[in-house]
Amino acid sequence: TLQIGDPSVIANLCGVTTVGDFRPADMALGGQGAPLMPAFDVHLLKTLPAINQKTDEDVGPLCIMLNIGGVSNITAMLRGEPRNVLGFDCGPGNMLIDQIM
């Protein structure tokens, strides 16, 4: 995978604490290298009242967020269950447009 920017170089040039290398750490744990998108999607989904409410009889529905970046990815979450999340790459996104242009 490609990650733009070296956290250690950024930290030294800017003189600030820098956090990075999420992609290789996620891949080492069996992920696909984009661990921040599902976390952002869950945060966003939790702010939507209709999605965040859950009754005793309610076990769903499934909420899905589609991110079309260079590579498209999907985050799926059961309504009212922000800890029950699945996120994965699902195919090419803007990278195909970028190649044509």
N, C-alpha and C. Protein backbone atom coordinates (compact mmCIF):
# COMPACT_ATOMS: atom_id res chain seq x y z
N THR A 1 0.85 -1.18 0.00
CA THR A 1 0.00 0.00 0.00
C THR A 1 0.89 1.24 0.00
N LEU A 2 0.32 2.36 -0.36
CA LEU A 2 1.06 3.61 -0.43
C LEU A 2 0.59 4.56 0.65
N GLN A 3 1.51 5.08 1.41
CA GLN A 3 1.20 6.07 2.43
C GLN A 3 2.05 7.30 2.14
N ILE A 4 1.41 8.44 1.96
CA ILE A 4 2.13 9.66 1.65
C ILE A 4 2.54 10.34 2.95
N GLY A 5 3.80 10.71 3.06
CA GLY A 5 4.29 11.41 4.25
C GLY A 5 4.91 10.45 5.25
N ASP A 6 6.09 10.76 5.71
CA ASP A 6 6.79 9.98 6.72
C ASP A 6 6.60 10.68 8.06
N PRO A 7 5.95 10.03 9.04
CA PRO A 7 5.67 10.69 10.31
C PRO A 7 6.92 11.23 11.01
N SER A 8 8.03 10.53 10.92
CA SER A 8 9.24 11.01 11.59
C SER A 8 9.79 12.27 10.91
N VAL A 9 9.70 12.35 9.60
CA VAL A 9 10.14 13.55 8.89
C VAL A 9 9.23 14.73 9.23
N ILE A 10 7.93 14.50 9.23
CA ILE A 10 6.97 15.56 9.56
C ILE A 10 7.22 16.06 10.99
N ALA A 11 7.44 15.14 11.93
CA ALA A 11 7.69 15.52 13.33
C ALA A 11 8.93 16.38 13.45
N ASN A 12 10.00 16.00 12.76
CA ASN A 12 11.25 16.75 12.84
C ASN A 12 11.16 18.11 12.16
N LEU A 13 10.52 18.17 11.00
CA LEU A 13 10.41 19.44 10.27
C LEU A 13 9.48 20.43 10.96
N CYS A 14 8.40 19.91 11.56
CA CYS A 14 7.40 20.79 12.16
C CYS A 14 7.57 20.97 13.66
N GLY A 15 8.37 20.11 14.29
CA GLY A 15 8.59 20.21 15.72
C GLY A 15 7.35 19.88 16.54
N VAL A 16 6.53 18.94 16.04
CA VAL A 16 5.32 18.55 16.75
C VAL A 16 5.26 17.03 16.90
N THR A 17 4.54 16.58 17.90
CA THR A 17 4.31 15.15 18.06
C THR A 17 3.47 14.67 16.89
N THR A 18 3.88 13.59 16.25
CA THR A 18 3.21 13.09 15.07
C THR A 18 2.86 11.62 15.25
N VAL A 19 1.66 11.26 14.91
CA VAL A 19 1.20 9.88 15.00
C VAL A 19 0.97 9.38 13.58
N GLY A 20 1.46 8.19 13.28
CA GLY A 20 1.30 7.67 11.93
C GLY A 20 1.52 6.18 11.86
N ASP A 21 1.69 5.69 10.66
CA ASP A 21 1.89 4.28 10.37
C ASP A 21 0.71 3.41 10.79
N PHE A 22 -0.50 3.93 10.66
CA PHE A 22 -1.69 3.15 10.97
C PHE A 22 -1.87 2.01 9.98
N ARG A 23 -1.54 2.26 8.72
CA ARG A 23 -1.76 1.28 7.66
C ARG A 23 -0.99 -0.02 7.90
N PRO A 24 0.33 0.01 8.13
CA PRO A 24 1.04 -1.26 8.35
C PRO A 24 0.60 -1.97 9.63
N ALA A 25 0.27 -1.21 10.66
CA ALA A 25 -0.18 -1.83 11.91
C ALA A 25 -1.51 -2.55 11.69
N ASP A 26 -2.42 -1.92 10.95
CA ASP A 26 -3.71 -2.55 10.67
C ASP A 26 -3.53 -3.82 9.84
N MET A 27 -2.66 -3.76 8.85
CA MET A 27 -2.42 -4.92 8.00
C MET A 27 -1.78 -6.06 8.80
N ALA A 28 -0.90 -5.73 9.73
CA ALA A 28 -0.26 -6.76 10.56
C ALA A 28 -1.30 -7.49 11.42
N LEU A 29 -2.41 -6.82 11.72
CA LEU A 29 -3.48 -7.42 12.53
C LEU A 29 -4.59 -8.04 11.68
N GLY A 30 -4.34 -8.16 10.36
CA GLY A 30 -5.31 -8.81 9.47
C GLY A 30 -6.26 -7.86 8.78
N GLY A 31 -6.10 -6.54 8.99
CA GLY A 31 -6.94 -5.56 8.31
C GLY A 31 -6.46 -5.30 6.90
N GLN A 32 -7.12 -4.36 6.23
CA GLN A 32 -6.76 -4.03 4.86
C GLN A 32 -6.02 -2.71 4.74
N GLY A 33 -5.63 -2.13 5.87
CA GLY A 33 -4.79 -0.95 5.84
C GLY A 33 -5.51 0.38 5.92
N ALA A 34 -6.76 0.40 6.30
CA ALA A 34 -7.50 1.66 6.43
C ALA A 34 -8.31 1.65 7.73
N PRO A 35 -7.63 1.64 8.88
CA PRO A 35 -8.36 1.49 10.15
C PRO A 35 -9.10 2.74 10.61
N LEU A 36 -8.77 3.91 10.07
CA LEU A 36 -9.39 5.13 10.56
C LEU A 36 -10.77 5.39 9.95
N MET A 37 -11.01 4.94 8.73
CA MET A 37 -12.29 5.21 8.09
C MET A 37 -13.46 4.59 8.85
N PRO A 38 -13.40 3.29 9.24
CA PRO A 38 -14.52 2.74 10.02
C PRO A 38 -14.74 3.49 11.33
N ALA A 39 -13.67 3.91 11.99
CA ALA A 39 -13.81 4.65 13.25
C ALA A 39 -14.53 5.98 13.00
N PHE A 40 -14.18 6.67 11.93
CA PHE A 40 -14.85 7.92 11.58
C PHE A 40 -16.32 7.66 11.23
N ASP A 41 -16.58 6.62 10.43
CA ASP A 41 -17.95 6.32 10.02
C ASP A 41 -18.83 6.01 11.23
N VAL A 42 -18.31 5.23 12.19
CA VAL A 42 -19.08 4.91 13.39
C VAL A 42 -19.38 6.18 14.17
N HIS A 43 -18.39 7.05 14.29
CA HIS A 43 -18.61 8.32 14.99
C HIS A 43 -19.72 9.11 14.31
N LEU A 44 -19.69 9.18 12.99
CA LEU A 44 -20.71 9.90 12.24
C LEU A 44 -22.08 9.23 12.38
N LEU A 45 -22.13 7.91 12.26
CA LEU A 45 -23.40 7.19 12.38
C LEU A 45 -24.02 7.37 13.76
N LYS A 46 -23.19 7.44 14.79
CA LYS A 46 -23.71 7.60 16.15
C LYS A 46 -24.38 8.96 16.37
N THR A 47 -24.09 9.93 15.52
CA THR A 47 -24.68 11.25 15.67
C THR A 47 -26.07 11.35 15.02
N LEU A 48 -26.45 10.36 14.24
CA LEU A 48 -27.74 10.36 13.56
C LEU A 48 -28.79 9.71 14.46
N PRO A 49 -29.80 10.47 14.92
CA PRO A 49 -30.78 9.95 15.88
C PRO A 49 -31.48 8.67 15.44
N ALA A 50 -31.90 8.58 14.20
CA ALA A 50 -32.62 7.40 13.74
C ALA A 50 -31.76 6.15 13.76
N ILE A 51 -30.47 6.31 13.65
CA ILE A 51 -29.56 5.17 13.64
C ILE A 51 -29.13 4.81 15.05
N ASN A 52 -29.02 5.78 15.90
CA ASN A 52 -28.51 5.54 17.25
C ASN A 52 -29.56 4.97 18.19
N GLN A 53 -30.85 5.08 17.86
CA GLN A 53 -31.91 4.59 18.74
C GLN A 53 -32.12 3.09 18.52
N LYS A 54 -32.34 2.38 19.62
CA LYS A 54 -32.57 0.95 19.54
C LYS A 54 -33.58 0.57 20.61
N THR A 55 -34.56 -0.25 20.24
CA THR A 55 -35.55 -0.72 21.20
C THR A 55 -35.25 -2.17 21.53
N ASP A 56 -35.96 -2.73 22.50
CA ASP A 56 -35.74 -4.12 22.90
C ASP A 56 -36.01 -5.09 21.75
N GLU A 57 -37.00 -4.77 20.90
CA GLU A 57 -37.36 -5.66 19.80
C GLU A 57 -36.46 -5.47 18.58
N ASP A 58 -35.69 -4.41 18.57
CA ASP A 58 -34.94 -4.01 17.38
C ASP A 58 -33.55 -4.60 17.38
N VAL A 59 -33.20 -5.36 16.35
CA VAL A 59 -31.85 -5.89 16.21
C VAL A 59 -31.16 -5.33 14.97
N GLY A 60 -31.71 -4.38 14.35
CA GLY A 60 -31.14 -3.82 13.14
C GLY A 60 -31.81 -2.51 12.86
N PRO A 61 -31.83 -2.00 11.71
CA PRO A 61 -31.24 -2.57 10.51
C PRO A 61 -29.75 -2.29 10.42
N LEU A 62 -29.18 -2.86 9.42
CA LEU A 62 -27.77 -2.65 9.16
C LEU A 62 -27.57 -1.28 8.52
N CYS A 63 -26.62 -0.51 9.03
CA CYS A 63 -26.28 0.80 8.46
C CYS A 63 -24.97 0.63 7.71
N ILE A 64 -24.91 1.16 6.51
CA ILE A 64 -23.72 1.01 5.68
C ILE A 64 -23.28 2.38 5.18
N MET A 65 -21.98 2.64 5.31
CA MET A 65 -21.37 3.86 4.77
C MET A 65 -20.41 3.43 3.66
N LEU A 66 -20.49 4.10 2.52
CA LEU A 66 -19.60 3.84 1.39
C LEU A 66 -18.70 5.05 1.21
N ASN A 67 -17.40 4.84 1.26
CA ASN A 67 -16.41 5.89 1.05
C ASN A 67 -15.74 5.63 -0.31
N ILE A 68 -15.92 6.57 -1.23
CA ILE A 68 -15.29 6.42 -2.54
C ILE A 68 -14.08 7.32 -2.59
N GLY A 69 -12.95 6.74 -2.22
CA GLY A 69 -11.67 7.43 -2.30
C GLY A 69 -10.88 6.81 -3.43
N GLY A 70 -9.56 6.78 -3.31
CA GLY A 70 -8.74 6.09 -4.31
C GLY A 70 -9.17 4.64 -4.43
N VAL A 71 -9.36 4.01 -3.28
CA VAL A 71 -9.94 2.68 -3.17
C VAL A 71 -11.21 2.83 -2.35
N SER A 72 -12.31 2.29 -2.83
CA SER A 72 -13.58 2.40 -2.10
C SER A 72 -13.60 1.44 -0.92
N ASN A 73 -14.22 1.86 0.17
CA ASN A 73 -14.38 0.96 1.30
C ASN A 73 -15.76 1.13 1.91
N ILE A 74 -16.18 0.10 2.60
CA ILE A 74 -17.50 0.04 3.22
C ILE A 74 -17.33 -0.15 4.72
N THR A 75 -18.16 0.55 5.50
CA THR A 75 -18.28 0.31 6.93
C THR A 75 -19.71 -0.11 7.19
N ALA A 76 -19.91 -1.24 7.86
CA ALA A 76 -21.24 -1.73 8.19
C ALA A 76 -21.37 -1.81 9.71
N MET A 77 -22.53 -1.36 10.22
CA MET A 77 -22.78 -1.35 11.66
C MET A 77 -24.26 -1.63 11.91
N LEU A 78 -24.55 -2.46 12.91
CA LEU A 78 -25.94 -2.64 13.32
C LEU A 78 -26.40 -1.40 14.05
N ARG A 79 -27.61 -0.96 13.80
CA ARG A 79 -28.13 0.24 14.45
C ARG A 79 -28.07 0.06 15.96
N GLY A 80 -27.54 1.07 16.65
CA GLY A 80 -27.44 1.04 18.10
C GLY A 80 -26.33 0.15 18.63
N GLU A 81 -25.50 -0.39 17.76
CA GLU A 81 -24.41 -1.29 18.17
C GLU A 81 -23.08 -0.79 17.63
N PRO A 82 -22.56 0.33 18.11
CA PRO A 82 -21.34 0.89 17.55
C PRO A 82 -20.09 0.04 17.76
N ARG A 83 -20.16 -0.96 18.61
CA ARG A 83 -18.99 -1.84 18.79
C ARG A 83 -19.04 -3.05 17.86
N ASN A 84 -20.15 -3.23 17.16
CA ASN A 84 -20.30 -4.33 16.23
C ASN A 84 -20.15 -3.79 14.81
N VAL A 85 -18.90 -3.62 14.39
CA VAL A 85 -18.58 -2.92 13.14
C VAL A 85 -17.71 -3.80 12.25
N LEU A 86 -17.96 -3.71 10.97
CA LEU A 86 -17.14 -4.39 9.97
C LEU A 86 -16.75 -3.36 8.92
N GLY A 87 -15.46 -3.23 8.63
CA GLY A 87 -15.00 -2.30 7.61
C GLY A 87 -14.03 -3.00 6.68
N PHE A 88 -14.16 -2.74 5.38
CA PHE A 88 -13.27 -3.40 4.42
C PHE A 88 -13.25 -2.64 3.10
N ASP A 89 -12.18 -2.85 2.32
CA ASP A 89 -12.09 -2.30 0.97
C ASP A 89 -13.03 -3.11 0.08
N CYS A 90 -13.65 -2.42 -0.89
CA CYS A 90 -14.59 -3.14 -1.75
C CYS A 90 -14.29 -2.98 -3.24
N GLY A 91 -13.26 -2.24 -3.59
CA GLY A 91 -12.92 -2.14 -5.00
C GLY A 91 -12.37 -0.78 -5.35
N PRO A 92 -12.01 -0.60 -6.61
CA PRO A 92 -11.42 0.67 -7.03
C PRO A 92 -12.44 1.80 -6.94
N GLY A 93 -11.93 2.98 -6.65
CA GLY A 93 -12.77 4.17 -6.59
C GLY A 93 -12.23 5.19 -7.58
N ASN A 94 -11.76 6.29 -7.05
CA ASN A 94 -11.25 7.37 -7.90
C ASN A 94 -9.94 7.03 -8.58
N MET A 95 -9.26 5.98 -8.16
CA MET A 95 -7.98 5.65 -8.78
C MET A 95 -8.13 5.39 -10.28
N LEU A 96 -9.27 4.85 -10.69
CA LEU A 96 -9.49 4.62 -12.12
C LEU A 96 -9.64 5.92 -12.87
N ILE A 97 -10.36 6.86 -12.30
CA ILE A 97 -10.50 8.19 -12.91
C ILE A 97 -9.14 8.87 -12.97
N ASP A 98 -8.37 8.76 -11.87
CA ASP A 98 -7.05 9.39 -11.82
C ASP A 98 -6.14 8.85 -12.93
N GLN A 99 -6.22 7.55 -13.22
CA GLN A 99 -5.38 6.96 -14.27
C GLN A 99 -5.77 7.46 -15.64
N ILE A 100 -7.05 7.65 -15.87
CA ILE A 100 -7.53 8.10 -17.18
C ILE A 100 -7.16 9.56 -17.43
N MET A 101 -7.25 10.36 -16.37
CA MET A 101 -7.01 11.80 -16.53
C MET A 101 -5.57 12.03 -16.79
